[in-house]
Protein backbone atom coordinates (compact mmCIF):
# COMPACT_ATOMS: atom_id res chain seq x y z
CA MET A 1 -255.53 -97.60 -57.51
CA SER A 2 -258.72 -98.87 -55.93
CA ASN A 3 -259.45 -98.96 -52.20
CA LYS A 4 -259.25 -102.75 -52.28
CA ASN A 5 -255.64 -102.66 -53.49
CA LEU A 6 -254.74 -100.04 -50.88
CA ILE A 7 -255.99 -102.31 -48.09
CA PHE A 8 -254.09 -105.35 -49.33
CA ASN A 9 -250.87 -103.39 -49.90
CA ASN A 10 -250.89 -101.62 -46.54
CA TYR A 11 -248.31 -103.74 -44.76
CA ASN A 12 -248.12 -101.35 -41.82
CA LEU A 13 -251.74 -102.20 -41.05
CA TYR A 14 -250.85 -105.90 -41.04
CA LEU A 15 -247.88 -105.23 -38.77
CA VAL A 16 -249.99 -103.24 -36.29
CA THR A 17 -252.67 -105.94 -36.35
CA ILE A 18 -250.09 -108.62 -35.53
CA PHE A 19 -248.72 -106.55 -32.63
CA ILE A 20 -252.25 -105.96 -31.27
CA PHE A 21 -253.04 -109.66 -31.53
CA TRP A 22 -249.70 -110.45 -29.81
CA ILE A 23 -250.51 -108.12 -26.92
CA ALA A 24 -253.99 -109.65 -26.66
CA THR A 25 -252.59 -113.19 -26.45
CA ILE A 26 -250.09 -112.10 -23.79
CA LEU A 27 -252.87 -110.49 -21.75
CA LEU A 28 -255.02 -113.61 -22.14
CA TYR A 29 -252.17 -115.74 -20.85
CA PHE A 30 -251.55 -113.31 -18.01
CA PHE A 31 -255.19 -113.40 -16.84
CA PHE A 32 -255.92 -117.07 -17.59
CA ASP A 33 -252.55 -118.62 -16.77
CA ASP A 34 -254.02 -121.08 -14.26
CA TYR A 35 -255.95 -122.83 -17.03
CA LEU A 36 -253.01 -123.35 -19.38
CA LYS A 37 -250.50 -126.18 -19.43
CA ALA A 38 -247.60 -123.73 -18.97
CA GLY A 39 -248.56 -123.18 -15.34
CA SER A 40 -249.53 -120.26 -13.21
CA LEU A 41 -247.64 -117.04 -12.68
CA GLU A 42 -246.57 -115.55 -9.36
CA ASN A 43 -247.36 -111.82 -9.50
CA GLY A 44 -246.88 -111.79 -13.27
CA VAL A 45 -243.66 -113.81 -13.21
CA LYS A 46 -242.93 -117.47 -13.90
CA PHE A 47 -239.91 -118.71 -11.98
CA GLY A 48 -237.80 -121.34 -13.71
CA THR A 49 -235.80 -123.99 -11.92
CA ASP A 50 -232.71 -121.79 -12.00
CA SER A 51 -234.32 -118.40 -11.27
CA LYS A 52 -233.58 -118.44 -7.56
CA LEU A 53 -229.91 -119.19 -8.29
CA TYR A 54 -229.64 -116.17 -10.58
CA ILE A 55 -231.32 -113.88 -8.07
CA LYS A 56 -229.07 -115.19 -5.30
CA VAL A 57 -225.88 -114.77 -7.34
CA VAL A 58 -226.79 -111.23 -8.43
CA THR A 59 -227.53 -110.34 -4.80
CA GLU A 60 -224.12 -111.73 -3.81
CA ILE A 61 -222.44 -109.75 -6.59
CA ILE A 62 -224.15 -106.55 -5.44
CA ASN A 63 -223.09 -107.22 -1.84
CA GLY A 64 -219.49 -107.90 -2.93
CA GLU A 65 -219.61 -111.55 -1.86
CA ALA A 66 -219.13 -112.93 -5.38
CA SER A 67 -217.45 -111.85 -8.59
CA ILE A 68 -219.32 -111.54 -11.85
CA LEU A 69 -216.20 -112.92 -13.56
CA ASP A 70 -216.89 -116.28 -11.92
CA TRP A 71 -220.04 -116.51 -14.04
CA LYS A 72 -218.65 -115.66 -17.49
CA SER A 73 -221.19 -117.75 -19.38
CA LYS A 74 -224.09 -115.95 -17.71
CA ILE A 75 -222.60 -112.46 -17.44
CA ARG A 76 -225.11 -110.85 -19.84
CA TYR A 77 -228.15 -111.96 -17.90
CA PHE A 78 -226.54 -111.02 -14.57
CA LEU A 79 -225.76 -107.56 -15.92
CA PHE A 80 -229.36 -107.34 -17.11
CA LEU A 81 -230.73 -108.33 -13.67
CA THR A 82 -228.36 -106.25 -11.54
CA PRO A 83 -230.09 -102.84 -11.82
CA PHE A 84 -233.50 -104.38 -11.18
CA ILE A 85 -232.35 -106.18 -8.04
CA TYR A 86 -230.10 -103.35 -6.84
CA PHE A 87 -232.92 -100.79 -6.97
CA ASP A 88 -235.44 -103.36 -5.66
CA ILE A 89 -237.65 -103.07 -8.73
CA PRO A 90 -240.45 -105.68 -8.86
CA PHE A 91 -239.76 -108.73 -11.00
CA VAL A 92 -242.84 -108.05 -13.12
CA THR A 93 -240.94 -105.01 -14.46
CA ILE A 94 -238.27 -107.37 -15.76
CA VAL A 95 -240.99 -109.32 -17.56
CA CYS A 96 -242.36 -106.10 -19.08
CA PHE A 97 -238.86 -105.12 -20.18
CA GLN A 98 -238.38 -108.55 -21.77
CA PHE A 99 -241.61 -108.02 -23.74
CA PHE A 100 -240.35 -104.59 -24.79
CA LEU A 101 -237.14 -106.21 -26.07
CA THR A 102 -239.25 -108.81 -27.90
CA ALA A 103 -241.16 -106.03 -29.67
CA ILE A 104 -237.89 -104.42 -30.73
CA SER A 105 -236.64 -107.82 -31.93
CA ALA A 106 -239.80 -108.30 -33.98
CA LEU A 107 -239.34 -104.92 -35.66
CA CYS A 108 -235.71 -105.73 -36.41
CA LEU A 109 -236.74 -109.11 -37.78
CA TYR A 110 -239.27 -107.35 -40.03
CA LYS A 111 -236.68 -104.85 -41.29
CA ILE A 112 -234.08 -107.56 -41.99
CA THR A 113 -236.58 -109.83 -43.74
CA THR A 114 -237.99 -107.03 -45.93
CA LYS A 115 -234.47 -105.95 -46.84
CA PHE A 116 -233.64 -109.34 -48.33
CA PHE A 117 -237.13 -110.47 -49.38
CA CYS A 118 -240.51 -108.84 -49.90
CA LYS A 119 -242.73 -107.09 -47.33
CA LEU A 120 -245.13 -110.01 -47.22
CA SER A 121 -242.34 -112.34 -46.10
CA GLY A 122 -241.51 -109.82 -43.34
CA ILE A 123 -245.12 -109.88 -42.16
CA ILE A 124 -245.17 -113.69 -42.18
CA CYS A 125 -241.86 -113.86 -40.31
CA VAL A 126 -243.03 -111.42 -37.60
CA ALA A 127 -246.36 -113.23 -37.28
CA LEU A 128 -244.62 -116.57 -36.79
CA PHE A 129 -242.26 -115.04 -34.22
CA LEU A 130 -244.83 -113.12 -32.17
CA LEU A 131 -247.78 -115.48 -32.36
CA TYR A 132 -245.98 -118.69 -31.42
CA LEU A 133 -247.25 -118.78 -27.85
CA PRO A 134 -244.72 -121.26 -26.34
CA LEU A 135 -241.92 -118.91 -27.34
CA GLN A 136 -243.70 -115.85 -25.95
CA ILE A 137 -244.50 -117.53 -22.65
CA ARG A 138 -240.74 -117.70 -22.06
CA ASN A 139 -240.77 -113.91 -21.59
CA PHE A 140 -242.62 -114.44 -18.31
CA TYR A 141 -239.71 -116.49 -16.99
CA MET A 142 -236.91 -115.16 -14.84
CA LYS A 143 -234.38 -117.33 -16.57
CA TYR A 144 -231.10 -117.25 -18.40
CA TYR A 145 -231.09 -117.83 -22.14
CA SER A 146 -227.80 -119.32 -23.19
CA LYS A 147 -228.09 -118.41 -26.88
CA CYS A 148 -229.29 -115.21 -28.48
C-alpha cells in the first residue's frame, strides 16, 4: 500500500484534526466573543434568561428551602449543578465540563455511526456535530436543555 493510501485511510488522523479544529473554534469564540452575534461572555460563561432561576433554585435546594421533587422536569440539570454550587466552584468549570461531555458525545456518535455505516460517515457526522458553531456556543450557557 502506498503512503498516499495510508494518509487517506487514516481516519484517526481525520478525527484528531476535527477535534483540534473544534477546540480552535471554541478558543476563537472565547477570545473574540464581543465581535460575534451570539454576544459576549461573562468570565467565560453566557447566562441565559433562565440561568439565574436555576442557580437560585439549586441554592434553595442546598439550603433546604426547596425540594428537588418540585422541579421534576429539570431534576437532571439541578443534580448536575448542585455539586458545583455547593462547593462554590466557578461557573466556567461547568462550561469546561459541558465541553468535556460534548467531546465524549462526539466520540460516542462516531462509534455508533461507524458501527452501522462506514468510517467516513462517522467522520462526517462528528464534523457536522462539532463544527456547527451555533450548537457549540450553547455549551457556554448556564441553561437547562429539556431534551437530550
